[in-house]
C-alpha atoms as a PDB file:
ATOM      1  CA  MET A   1       0.062   0.288   0.332  1.00  0.00           C
ATOM      2  CA  PRO A   2       1.579   3.317  -0.986  1.00  0.00           C
ATOM      3  CA  PHE A   3       2.011   6.380   1.780  1.00  0.00           C
ATOM      4  CA  ARG A   4       0.279   9.141  -0.290  1.00  0.00           C
ATOM      5  CA  PRO A   5       0.072  12.694   1.681  1.00  0.00           C
ATOM      6  CA  ASP A   6      -3.965  13.036   1.595  1.00  0.00           C
ATOM      7  CA  GLU A   7      -4.462   9.599   3.658  1.00  0.00           C
ATOM      8  CA  MET A   8      -2.677  11.703   6.475  1.00  0.00           C
ATOM      9  CA  ARG A   9      -5.563  14.170   6.581  1.00  0.00           C
ATOM     10  CA  GLY A  10      -8.087  11.733   6.660  1.00  0.00           C
ATOM     11  CA  ALA A  11      -9.274  12.171   3.551  1.00  0.00           C
ATOM     12  CA  GLY A  12      -8.363   9.153   1.785  1.00  0.00           C
ATOM     13  CA  ALA A  13     -10.286   6.534   3.621  1.00  0.00           C
ATOM     14  CA  GLY A  14     -13.102   9.858   4.063  1.00  0.00           C
ATOM     15  CA  GLY A  15     -13.191  10.507   7.668  1.00  0.00           C
ATOM     16  CA  ALA A  16     -13.465  12.630  10.183  1.00  0.00           C
ATOM     17  CA  ILE A  17     -10.500  14.529  12.409  1.00  0.00           C
ATOM     18  CA  ASP A  18     -12.423  14.351  16.410  1.00  0.00           C
ATOM     19  CA  TYR A  19     -10.571  16.914  18.573  1.00  0.00           C
ATOM     20  CA  ARG A  20     -12.046  15.979  21.971  1.00  0.00           C
ATOM     21  CA  LEU A  21      -8.919  14.780  23.577  1.00  0.00           C
ATOM     22  CA  ALA A  22      -7.155  18.051  22.591  1.00  0.00           C
ATOM     23  CA  ARG A  23     -10.654  19.823  24.212  1.00  0.00           C
ATOM     24  CA  ARG A  24     -10.365  17.679  27.415  1.00  0.00           C
ATOM     25  CA  HIS A  25      -6.772  18.563  27.621  1.00  0.00           C
ATOM     26  CA  LEU A  26      -7.431  22.333  27.460  1.00  0.00           C
ATOM     27  CA  ILE A  27     -10.346  22.328  30.151  1.00  0.00           C
ATOM     28  CA  ALA A  28      -7.928  20.417  32.832  1.00  0.00           C
ATOM     29  CA  GLU A  29      -5.142  22.851  31.998  1.00  0.00           C
ATOM     30  CA  TYR A  30      -7.663  25.813  33.026  1.00  0.00           C
ATOM     31  CA  ARG A  31      -9.157  23.342  36.089  1.00  0.00           C
ATOM     32  CA  ARG A  32      -5.589  23.048  37.323  1.00  0.00           C
ATOM     33  CA  GLY A  33      -5.204  26.697  37.198  1.00  0.00           C
ATOM     34  CA  ARG A  34      -2.367  26.590  34.516  1.00  0.00           C
ATOM     35  CA  LEU A  35      -4.586  28.937  32.038  1.00  0.00           C
ATOM     36  CA  ALA A  36      -6.280  31.611  32.489  1.00  0.00           C
ATOM     37  CA  ARG A  37     -10.202  32.202  31.579  1.00  0.00           C
ATOM     38  CA  HIS A  38      -8.903  34.670  29.357  1.00  0.00           C
ATOM     39  CA  GLU A  39      -6.819  32.428  27.489  1.00  0.00           C
ATOM     40  CA  VAL A  40      -9.221  30.163  26.699  1.00  0.00           C
ATOM     41  CA  CYS A  41     -12.388  32.469  26.691  1.00  0.00           C
ATOM     42  CA  ASP A  42     -11.429  34.015  23.613  1.00  0.00           C
ATOM     43  CA  ALA A  43     -14.013  34.009  20.826  1.00  0.00           C
ATOM     44  CA  HIS A  44     -13.620  35.979  17.664  1.00  0.00           C
ATOM     45  CA  PRO A  45     -16.850  38.527  17.962  1.00  0.00           C
ATOM     46  CA  GLU A  46     -17.690  37.125  14.380  1.00  0.00           C
ATOM     47  CA  LEU A  47     -17.660  33.727  15.982  1.00  0.00           C
ATOM     48  CA  LEU A  48     -19.459  34.714  18.962  1.00  0.00           C
ATOM     49  CA  ARG A  49     -22.092  36.567  16.483  1.00  0.00           C
ATOM     50  CA  ALA A  50     -22.456  33.459  13.981  1.00  0.00           C
ATOM     51  CA  GLY A  51     -23.065  30.693  17.163  1.00  0.00           C
ATOM     52  CA  ARG A  52     -25.684  33.484  18.564  1.00  0.00           C
ATOM     53  CA  GLU A  53     -27.752  34.300  15.413  1.00  0.00           C
ATOM     54  CA  VAL A  54     -27.509  30.297  12.824  1.00  0.00           C
ATOM     55  CA  GLY A  55     -25.604  28.026  15.153  1.00  0.00           C
ATOM     56  CA  GLU A  56     -26.802  25.078  16.397  1.00  0.00           C
ATOM     57  CA  GLU A  57     -27.378  24.542  19.669  1.00  0.00           C
ATOM     58  CA  ALA A  58     -25.374  21.517  21.793  1.00  0.00           C
ATOM     59  CA  SER A  59     -26.504  19.065  23.800  1.00  0.00           C
ATOM     60  CA  VAL A  60     -23.821  20.006  26.123  1.00  0.00           C
ATOM     61  CA  ASP A  61     -23.334  22.973  28.852  1.00  0.00           C
ATOM     62  CA  CYS A  62     -20.417  25.609  28.318  1.00  0.00           C
ATOM     63  CA  PRO A  63     -17.273  23.600  30.023  1.00  0.00           C
ATOM     64  CA  ILE A  64     -15.873  27.294  31.884  1.00  0.00           C
ATOM     65  CA  CYS A  65     -19.213  29.420  32.853  1.00  0.00           C
ATOM     66  CA  GLU A  66     -21.333  26.074  33.247  1.00  0.00           C
ATOM     67  CA  GLU A  67     -24.355  28.726  32.622  1.00  0.00           C
ATOM     68  CA  ALA A  68     -24.714  28.693  28.833  1.00  0.00           C
ATOM     69  CA  LYS A  69     -24.987  25.832  26.059  1.00  0.00           C
ATOM     70  CA  LEU A  70     -23.038  25.736  23.408  1.00  0.00           C
ATOM     71  CA  ARG A  71     -22.992  26.269  20.070  1.00  0.00           C
ATOM     72  CA  LEU A  72     -22.094  24.610  16.851  1.00  0.00           C
ATOM     73  CA  VAL A  73     -21.272  26.338  13.897  1.00  0.00           C
ATOM     74  CA  SER A  74     -19.957  25.030  10.813  1.00  0.00           C
ATOM     75  CA  TYR A  75     -17.602  26.399   8.301  1.00  0.00           C
ATOM     76  CA  VAL A  76     -16.292  25.271   5.047  1.00  0.00           C
ATOM     77  CA  PHE A  77     -12.832  26.276   2.924  1.00  0.00           C
ATOM     78  CA  GLY A  78     -12.095  25.334  -0.596  1.00  0.00           C
ATOM     79  CA  PRO A  79     -11.632  26.661  -3.842  1.00  0.00           C
ATOM     80  CA  ARG A  80     -13.684  29.890  -4.882  1.00  0.00           C
ATOM     81  CA  LEU A  81     -14.644  30.469  -0.977  1.00  0.00           C
ATOM     82  CA  PRO A  82     -13.566  33.440   0.532  1.00  0.00           C
ATOM     83  CA  ALA A  83     -10.154  33.143   2.382  1.00  0.00           C
ATOM     84  CA  PHE A  84     -12.287  33.210   5.602  1.00  0.00           C
ATOM     85  CA  GLY A  85     -14.238  30.614   4.454  1.00  0.00           C
ATOM     86  CA  ARG A  86     -18.514  30.297   4.204  1.00  0.00           C
ATOM     87  CA  CYS A  87     -20.228  30.016   7.372  1.00  0.00           C
ATOM     88  CA  ILE A  88     -23.111  26.883   7.131  1.00  0.00           C
ATOM     89  CA  THR A  89     -26.598  28.337   8.247  1.00  0.00           C
ATOM     90  CA  LYS A  90     -28.274  25.519   6.743  1.00  0.00           C
ATOM     91  CA  ARG A  91     -28.107  21.901   6.920  1.00  0.00           C
ATOM     92  CA  GLY A  92     -28.715  21.677   2.890  1.00  0.00           C
ATOM     93  CA  GLU A  93     -25.778  23.460   1.973  1.00  0.00           C
ATOM     94  CA  LEU A  94     -23.202  20.777   3.355  1.00  0.00           C
ATOM     95  CA  GLN A  95     -24.832  18.616   1.107  1.00  0.00           C
ATOM     96  CA  ALA A  96     -24.805  20.898  -1.536  1.00  0.00           C
ATOM     97  CA  PHE A  97     -20.831  20.706  -0.888  1.00  0.00           C
ATOM     98  CA  ASN A  98     -20.967  17.177  -0.936  1.00  0.00           C
ATOM     99  CA  ARG A  99     -21.754  17.330  -4.212  1.00  0.00           C
ATOM    100  CA  ARG A 100     -19.950  20.286  -6.279  1.00  0.00           C
ATOM    101  CA  ALA A 101     -16.304  19.508  -7.732  1.00  0.00           C
ATOM    102  CA  GLY A 102     -13.721  20.400  -5.600  1.00  0.00           C
ATOM    103  CA  ASP A 103     -12.241  19.562  -2.193  1.00  0.00           C
ATOM    104  CA  PHE A 104     -13.981  21.896   0.665  1.00  0.00           C
ATOM    105  CA  THR A 105     -13.132  20.683   4.211  1.00  0.00           C
ATOM    106  CA  CYS A 106     -15.778  21.392   6.673  1.00  0.00           C
ATOM    107  CA  TYR A 107     -14.865  22.742  10.734  1.00  0.00           C
ATOM    108  CA  VAL A 108     -17.409  22.181  13.185  1.00  0.00           C
ATOM    109  CA  VAL A 109     -16.353  24.855  16.266  1.00  0.00           C
ATOM    110  CA  GLU A 110     -18.591  24.825  19.453  1.00  0.00           C
ATOM    111  CA  VAL A 111     -18.563  28.069  21.079  1.00  0.00           C
ATOM    112  CA  CYS A 112     -20.187  29.869  23.824  1.00  0.00           C
ATOM    113  CA  PRO A 113     -22.175  32.841  23.394  1.00  0.00           C
ATOM    114  CA  GLU A 114     -21.762  34.140  26.949  1.00  0.00           C
ATOM    115  CA  CYS A 115     -18.196  33.849  27.997  1.00  0.00           C
ATOM    116  CA  GLY A 116     -16.551  33.095  24.300  1.00  0.00           C
ATOM    117  CA  TRP A 117     -15.358  29.740  25.038  1.00  0.00           C
ATOM    118  CA  ASN A 118     -14.243  27.853  21.822  1.00  0.00           C
ATOM    119  CA  HIS A 119     -12.202  24.957  20.478  1.00  0.00           C
ATOM    120  CA  LEU A 120     -12.415  23.212  17.068  1.00  0.00           C
ATOM    121  CA  ALA A 121     -14.062  19.790  17.074  1.00  0.00           C
ATOM    122  CA  ARG A 122     -14.382  18.055  14.091  1.00  0.00           C
ATOM    123  CA  THR A 123     -13.054  18.510  10.692  1.00  0.00           C
ATOM    124  CA  TRP A 124     -14.164  16.148   7.709  1.00  0.00           C
ATOM    125  CA  ALA A 125     -13.374  16.206   4.044  1.00  0.00           C
ATOM    126  CA  LEU A 126     -16.229  17.745   1.619  1.00  0.00           C
ATOM    127  CA  GLY A 127     -16.890  17.707  -2.428  1.00  0.00           C
ATOM    128  CA  ARG A 128     -16.810  14.968  -5.020  1.00  0.00           C
ATOM    129  CA  GLY A 129     -12.930  15.601  -5.673  1.00  0.00           C
ATOM    130  CA  THR A 130     -12.847  13.774  -2.203  1.00  0.00           C
ATOM    131  CA  ALA A 131     -14.617  11.246  -3.333  1.00  0.00           C
ATOM    132  CA  SER A 132     -12.631  10.679  -6.547  1.00  0.00           C
ATOM    133  CA  ARG A 133      -9.004   9.841  -4.536  1.00  0.00           C
ATOM    134  CA  ARG A 134     -10.754   8.300  -2.087  1.00  0.00           C
ATOM    135  CA  ALA A 135     -11.105   5.855  -5.301  1.00  0.00           C
ATOM    136  CA  ALA A 136      -7.730   6.288  -6.334  1.00  0.00           C
ATOM    137  CA  PRO A 137      -5.514   3.290  -5.914  1.00  0.00           C
END
């Protein structure tokens, strides 16, 4: 089996990358007092706005303030999209990217609209270009 760089990104297997371990580590460091609140609650104002306006409510409370439900915000990056990506506002938009030609990547970020906690939750590949790589030997 040959080694290809795209296999390292998970694109060859069509898999997703989950960042739960990194999240747990960051929360543990905060709770041990090794990180200050302003270091972990540093969401960009645009991410906070997206979380409030178009984010999907998660089933878990914020691990930092423990007062608000987290919001999940999805962004897609790829060819012919702005450098800052495209914020997904409806589920159908992701399906549309899956049908488009090209290599797209979806990033899901969890954000607390109250305290500003934010963390990359997971990423995965989208687009017909991704499917063609999977089929390649």
